[in-house]
Amino acid sequence: MPRTDADRDAERLAAAAPERERRPGLRAVGGTAARVAGPIVARSGGGLLGRLKADWGAIAGEATAAETWPEALSRAGVLRLRVASPGAALDLQHRTPLLIERIDLFFGRRVVERIALVQGPLPLGAATSPVPRKDSLSAAAAAALDARLADIADPALREALGRLGRLVIGRDAR
């Protein structure tokens, strides 16, 4: 019966194993797993995508990380980046060179050549939920805003405009 490539690989791994690993009985699997998985991981980017996902908030910045998620990294250096909204995609399209530079700086070498933006929902847990802000309006400013909105008949519109007004006036007060 002819020997297959798998048989030759198994013999080569067995010959390379230290004497203590060839003894029968219980033994650690870590060394063997590392020898088998090492070439596979190296062919698929060396674990760069895993590190990129793990440190995405530090690499891209919290605001960008809240709207994006790295999906895939090809061998040619194309990073497929999922973006939550069209507005964020448009903004990110203009900041792509800066993001590529930040990624390459993080890894200390050229990793990403190009970014391909894909619009869609972010995976669960990828986006950080915004921290609710405390209403920073004074009582007088809130009363003045409510008085200006009192003439609006539609309660849903009045409530939406009230939220918007509180955000705008609160931001101007800071």
C-alpha atoms as a PDB file:
ATOM      1  CA  MET A   1       0.000   0.000   0.000  1.00  0.00           C
ATOM      2  CA  PRO A   2       1.527   3.364  -0.990  1.00  0.00           C
ATOM      3  CA  ARG A   3       2.253   5.908   1.699  1.00  0.00           C
ATOM      4  CA  THR A   4       0.230   9.128   1.651  1.00  0.00           C
ATOM      5  CA  ASP A   5       1.329  12.645   2.507  1.00  0.00           C
ATOM      6  CA  ALA A   6      -0.507  12.369   5.828  1.00  0.00           C
ATOM      7  CA  ASP A   7       1.516   9.233   6.722  1.00  0.00           C
ATOM      8  CA  ARG A   8       4.774  10.999   5.886  1.00  0.00           C
ATOM      9  CA  ASP A   9       3.764  14.058   7.938  1.00  0.00           C
ATOM     10  CA  ALA A  10       2.845  11.889  10.928  1.00  0.00           C
ATOM     11  CA  GLU A  11       6.200  10.084  10.750  1.00  0.00           C
ATOM     12  CA  ARG A  12       8.056  13.380  10.476  1.00  0.00           C
ATOM     13  CA  LEU A  13       6.226  14.809  13.508  1.00  0.00           C
ATOM     14  CA  ALA A  14       6.853  11.647  15.519  1.00  0.00           C
ATOM     15  CA  ALA A  15      10.557  11.732  14.680  1.00  0.00           C
ATOM     16  CA  ALA A  16      10.801  15.389  15.667  1.00  0.00           C
ATOM     17  CA  ALA A  17       9.062  14.857  19.019  1.00  0.00           C
ATOM     18  CA  PRO A  18      11.339  14.653  22.068  1.00  0.00           C
ATOM     19  CA  GLU A  19      11.826  11.247  23.695  1.00  0.00           C
ATOM     20  CA  ARG A  20       9.521  12.051  26.629  1.00  0.00           C
ATOM     21  CA  GLU A  21       6.645  12.776  24.216  1.00  0.00           C
ATOM     22  CA  ARG A  22       7.007   9.355  22.556  1.00  0.00           C
ATOM     23  CA  ARG A  23       6.464   7.488  25.806  1.00  0.00           C
ATOM     24  CA  PRO A  24       2.985   5.978  26.232  1.00  0.00           C
ATOM     25  CA  GLY A  25       0.565   7.449  28.753  1.00  0.00           C
ATOM     26  CA  LEU A  26      -0.851  10.880  29.397  1.00  0.00           C
ATOM     27  CA  ARG A  27       1.008  13.838  27.933  1.00  0.00           C
ATOM     28  CA  ALA A  28       0.435  17.500  27.174  1.00  0.00           C
ATOM     29  CA  VAL A  29      -1.172  18.243  23.861  1.00  0.00           C
ATOM     30  CA  GLY A  30       0.034  21.880  23.625  1.00  0.00           C
ATOM     31  CA  GLY A  31       3.317  21.136  21.867  1.00  0.00           C
ATOM     32  CA  THR A  32       1.738  18.939  19.236  1.00  0.00           C
ATOM     33  CA  ALA A  33      -1.146  21.369  18.685  1.00  0.00           C
ATOM     34  CA  ALA A  34       1.290  24.246  18.219  1.00  0.00           C
ATOM     35  CA  ARG A  35       3.324  22.279  15.652  1.00  0.00           C
ATOM     36  CA  VAL A  36       0.182  21.361  13.701  1.00  0.00           C
ATOM     37  CA  ALA A  37      -1.614  24.722  13.954  1.00  0.00           C
ATOM     38  CA  GLY A  38       1.449  26.935  13.461  1.00  0.00           C
ATOM     39  CA  PRO A  39       1.679  26.610   9.678  1.00  0.00           C
ATOM     40  CA  ILE A  40      -2.088  26.986   9.293  1.00  0.00           C
ATOM     41  CA  VAL A  41      -2.173  30.198  11.331  1.00  0.00           C
ATOM     42  CA  ALA A  42       0.865  31.548   9.479  1.00  0.00           C
ATOM     43  CA  ARG A  43      -0.810  30.940   6.101  1.00  0.00           C
ATOM     44  CA  SER A  44      -3.971  32.760   7.161  1.00  0.00           C
ATOM     45  CA  GLY A  45      -2.319  35.968   8.329  1.00  0.00           C
ATOM     46  CA  GLY A  46      -0.506  34.911  11.473  1.00  0.00           C
ATOM     47  CA  GLY A  47      -3.348  35.741  13.820  1.00  0.00           C
ATOM     48  CA  LEU A  48      -3.382  39.400  12.807  1.00  0.00           C
ATOM     49  CA  LEU A  49      -7.163  39.527  12.484  1.00  0.00           C
ATOM     50  CA  GLY A  50      -7.578  38.086  15.984  1.00  0.00           C
ATOM     51  CA  ARG A  51      -5.265  40.726  17.444  1.00  0.00           C
ATOM     52  CA  LEU A  52      -6.992  43.395  15.374  1.00  0.00           C
ATOM     53  CA  LYS A  53     -10.406  42.403  16.746  1.00  0.00           C
ATOM     54  CA  ALA A  54      -9.137  42.110  20.318  1.00  0.00           C
ATOM     55  CA  ASP A  55      -7.568  45.580  20.319  1.00  0.00           C
ATOM     56  CA  TRP A  56      -9.914  47.328  17.889  1.00  0.00           C
ATOM     57  CA  GLY A  57     -10.962  50.011  20.384  1.00  0.00           C
ATOM     58  CA  ALA A  58      -7.349  50.958  21.111  1.00  0.00           C
ATOM     59  CA  ILE A  59      -6.317  50.867  17.450  1.00  0.00           C
ATOM     60  CA  ALA A  60      -9.196  52.735  15.822  1.00  0.00           C
ATOM     61  CA  GLY A  61     -10.271  54.928  18.725  1.00  0.00           C
ATOM     62  CA  GLU A  62     -13.441  54.563  20.742  1.00  0.00           C
ATOM     63  CA  ALA A  63     -15.672  56.625  18.423  1.00  0.00           C
ATOM     64  CA  THR A  64     -14.648  54.683  15.313  1.00  0.00           C
ATOM     65  CA  ALA A  65     -14.751  51.347  17.142  1.00  0.00           C
ATOM     66  CA  ALA A  66     -18.328  52.036  18.251  1.00  0.00           C
ATOM     67  CA  GLU A  67     -19.426  52.268  14.595  1.00  0.00           C
ATOM     68  CA  THR A  68     -17.183  49.659  12.923  1.00  0.00           C
ATOM     69  CA  TRP A  69     -15.924  46.080  13.241  1.00  0.00           C
ATOM     70  CA  PRO A  70     -13.081  44.345  11.370  1.00  0.00           C
ATOM     71  CA  GLU A  71     -14.528  41.316   9.551  1.00  0.00           C
ATOM     72  CA  ALA A  72     -11.705  39.854   7.489  1.00  0.00           C
ATOM     73  CA  LEU A  73      -8.125  40.503   6.472  1.00  0.00           C
ATOM     74  CA  SER A  74      -6.964  39.036   3.169  1.00  0.00           C
ATOM     75  CA  ARG A  75      -3.438  37.949   2.297  1.00  0.00           C
ATOM     76  CA  ALA A  76      -3.232  40.919  -0.050  1.00  0.00           C
ATOM     77  CA  GLY A  77      -3.765  43.273   2.905  1.00  0.00           C
ATOM     78  CA  VAL A  78      -7.402  44.169   2.242  1.00  0.00           C
ATOM     79  CA  LEU A  79      -9.263  44.761   5.500  1.00  0.00           C
ATOM     80  CA  ARG A  80     -13.015  44.248   5.200  1.00  0.00           C
ATOM     81  CA  LEU A  81     -14.552  46.613   7.722  1.00  0.00           C
ATOM     82  CA  ARG A  82     -18.234  46.426   8.662  1.00  0.00           C
ATOM     83  CA  VAL A  83     -19.788  49.862   9.226  1.00  0.00           C
ATOM     84  CA  ALA A  84     -23.074  50.377  11.052  1.00  0.00           C
ATOM     85  CA  SER A  85     -24.513  53.369   9.182  1.00  0.00           C
ATOM     86  CA  PRO A  86     -24.142  55.135   5.817  1.00  0.00           C
ATOM     87  CA  GLY A  87     -23.113  58.361   7.521  1.00  0.00           C
ATOM     88  CA  ALA A  88     -20.339  56.618   9.408  1.00  0.00           C
ATOM     89  CA  ALA A  89     -19.219  54.902   6.195  1.00  0.00           C
ATOM     90  CA  LEU A  90     -18.982  58.222   4.379  1.00  0.00           C
ATOM     91  CA  ASP A  91     -17.005  59.772   7.215  1.00  0.00           C
ATOM     92  CA  LEU A  92     -14.727  56.745   7.461  1.00  0.00           C
ATOM     93  CA  GLN A  93     -14.132  56.728   3.724  1.00  0.00           C
ATOM     94  CA  HIS A  94     -12.439  60.105   4.092  1.00  0.00           C
ATOM     95  CA  ARG A  95     -10.431  58.987   7.128  1.00  0.00           C
ATOM     96  CA  THR A  96      -9.272  55.652   5.630  1.00  0.00           C
ATOM     97  CA  PRO A  97      -5.599  56.664   5.167  1.00  0.00           C
ATOM     98  CA  LEU A  98      -5.429  57.704   8.822  1.00  0.00           C
ATOM     99  CA  LEU A  99      -6.983  54.422   9.958  1.00  0.00           C
ATOM    100  CA  ILE A 100      -4.556  52.384   7.822  1.00  0.00           C
ATOM    101  CA  GLU A 101      -1.686  54.332   9.348  1.00  0.00           C
ATOM    102  CA  ARG A 102      -2.960  53.664  12.886  1.00  0.00           C
ATOM    103  CA  ILE A 103      -3.297  49.926  12.203  1.00  0.00           C
ATOM    104  CA  ASP A 104       0.180  49.697  10.700  1.00  0.00           C
ATOM    105  CA  LEU A 105       1.628  51.698  13.594  1.00  0.00           C
ATOM    106  CA  PHE A 106      -0.004  49.319  16.076  1.00  0.00           C
ATOM    107  CA  PHE A 107       1.548  46.251  14.437  1.00  0.00           C
ATOM    108  CA  GLY A 108       4.859  47.951  13.691  1.00  0.00           C
ATOM    109  CA  ARG A 109       4.800  46.960  10.025  1.00  0.00           C
ATOM    110  CA  ARG A 110       2.673  47.297   6.909  1.00  0.00           C
ATOM    111  CA  VAL A 111      -0.404  45.109   7.449  1.00  0.00           C
ATOM    112  CA  VAL A 112      -3.274  46.839   5.635  1.00  0.00           C
ATOM    113  CA  GLU A 113      -2.983  48.050   2.051  1.00  0.00           C
ATOM    114  CA  ARG A 114      -6.629  48.938   1.500  1.00  0.00           C
ATOM    115  CA  ILE A 115      -9.903  49.020   3.440  1.00  0.00           C
ATOM    116  CA  ALA A 116     -13.150  47.739   1.930  1.00  0.00           C
ATOM    117  CA  LEU A 117     -16.199  49.132   3.716  1.00  0.00           C
ATOM    118  CA  VAL A 118     -19.258  46.906   4.067  1.00  0.00           C
ATOM    119  CA  GLN A 119     -22.428  48.414   5.484  1.00  0.00           C
ATOM    120  CA  GLY A 120     -24.401  46.254   7.863  1.00  0.00           C
ATOM    121  CA  PRO A 121     -25.202  45.607  11.507  1.00  0.00           C
ATOM    122  CA  LEU A 122     -22.296  45.128  13.862  1.00  0.00           C
ATOM    123  CA  PRO A 123     -21.958  41.795  15.657  1.00  0.00           C
ATOM    124  CA  LEU A 124     -23.407  41.666  19.155  1.00  0.00           C
ATOM    125  CA  GLY A 125     -20.988  42.993  21.718  1.00  0.00           C
ATOM    126  CA  ALA A 126     -18.838  44.757  19.116  1.00  0.00           C
ATOM    127  CA  ALA A 127     -20.367  48.189  19.560  1.00  0.00           C
ATOM    128  CA  THR A 128     -20.162  49.961  22.846  1.00  0.00           C
ATOM    129  CA  SER A 129     -23.425  51.398  24.027  1.00  0.00           C
ATOM    130  CA  PRO A 130     -23.383  55.157  24.440  1.00  0.00           C
ATOM    131  CA  VAL A 131     -23.307  56.432  27.985  1.00  0.00           C
ATOM    132  CA  PRO A 132     -26.521  58.294  28.742  1.00  0.00           C
ATOM    133  CA  ARG A 133     -25.811  61.926  29.455  1.00  0.00           C
ATOM    134  CA  LYS A 134     -27.247  63.801  32.358  1.00  0.00           C
ATOM    135  CA  ASP A 135     -29.650  66.585  31.434  1.00  0.00           C
ATOM    136  CA  SER A 136     -27.454  69.649  31.900  1.00  0.00           C
ATOM    137  CA  LEU A 137     -30.132  72.291  31.382  1.00  0.00           C
ATOM    138  CA  SER A 138     -30.933  74.703  34.132  1.00  0.00           C
ATOM    139  CA  ALA A 139     -34.525  74.913  35.292  1.00  0.00           C
ATOM    140  CA  ALA A 140     -34.973  78.299  33.583  1.00  0.00           C
ATOM    141  CA  ALA A 141     -33.627  77.018  30.242  1.00  0.00           C
ATOM    142  CA  ALA A 142     -35.854  73.928  30.409  1.00  0.00           C
ATOM    143  CA  ALA A 143     -38.906  76.062  31.180  1.00  0.00           C
ATOM    144  CA  ALA A 144     -38.098  78.425  28.273  1.00  0.00           C
ATOM    145  CA  LEU A 145     -37.751  75.473  25.893  1.00  0.00           C
ATOM    146  CA  ASP A 146     -41.046  73.955  27.052  1.00  0.00           C
ATOM    147  CA  ALA A 147     -42.778  77.322  26.557  1.00  0.00           C
ATOM    148  CA  ARG A 148     -41.475  77.551  22.970  1.00  0.00           C
ATOM    149  CA  LEU A 149     -42.730  74.022  22.222  1.00  0.00           C
ATOM    150  CA  ALA A 150     -46.152  74.432  23.866  1.00  0.00           C
ATOM    151  CA  ASP A 151     -47.846  75.528  20.607  1.00  0.00           C
ATOM    152  CA  ILE A 152     -46.991  72.258  18.802  1.00  0.00           C
ATOM    153  CA  ALA A 153     -50.121  70.087  18.623  1.00  0.00           C
ATOM    154  CA  ASP A 154     -48.522  66.709  17.839  1.00  0.00           C
ATOM    155  CA  PRO A 155     -47.219  65.209  21.119  1.00  0.00           C
ATOM    156  CA  ALA A 156     -44.658  62.927  19.406  1.00  0.00           C
ATOM    157  CA  LEU A 157     -43.218  65.857  17.437  1.00  0.00           C
ATOM    158  CA  ARG A 158     -43.191  68.053  20.554  1.00  0.00           C
ATOM    159  CA  GLU A 159     -41.310  65.343  22.494  1.00  0.00           C
ATOM    160  CA  ALA A 160     -38.758  64.797  19.693  1.00  0.00           C
ATOM    161  CA  LEU A 161     -38.127  68.532  19.348  1.00  0.00           C
ATOM    162  CA  GLY A 162     -37.797  68.782  23.119  1.00  0.00           C
ATOM    163  CA  ARG A 163     -35.099  66.076  23.161  1.00  0.00           C
ATOM    164  CA  LEU A 164     -33.284  67.783  20.309  1.00  0.00           C
ATOM    165  CA  GLY A 165     -33.550  71.183  21.987  1.00  0.00           C
ATOM    166  CA  ARG A 166     -32.188  69.812  25.278  1.00  0.00           C
ATOM    167  CA  LEU A 167     -29.211  68.295  23.464  1.00  0.00           C
ATOM    168  CA  VAL A 168     -28.438  71.453  21.490  1.00  0.00           C
ATOM    169  CA  ILE A 169     -28.914  73.879  24.373  1.00  0.00           C
ATOM    170  CA  GLY A 170     -27.050  71.550  26.754  1.00  0.00           C
ATOM    171  CA  ARG A 171     -24.117  71.266  24.355  1.00  0.00           C
ATOM    172  CA  ASP A 172     -23.992  75.054  23.899  1.00  0.00           C
ATOM    173  CA  ALA A 173     -23.999  75.528  27.689  1.00  0.00           C
ATOM    174  CA  ARG A 174     -20.885  73.342  28.077  1.00  0.00           C
END
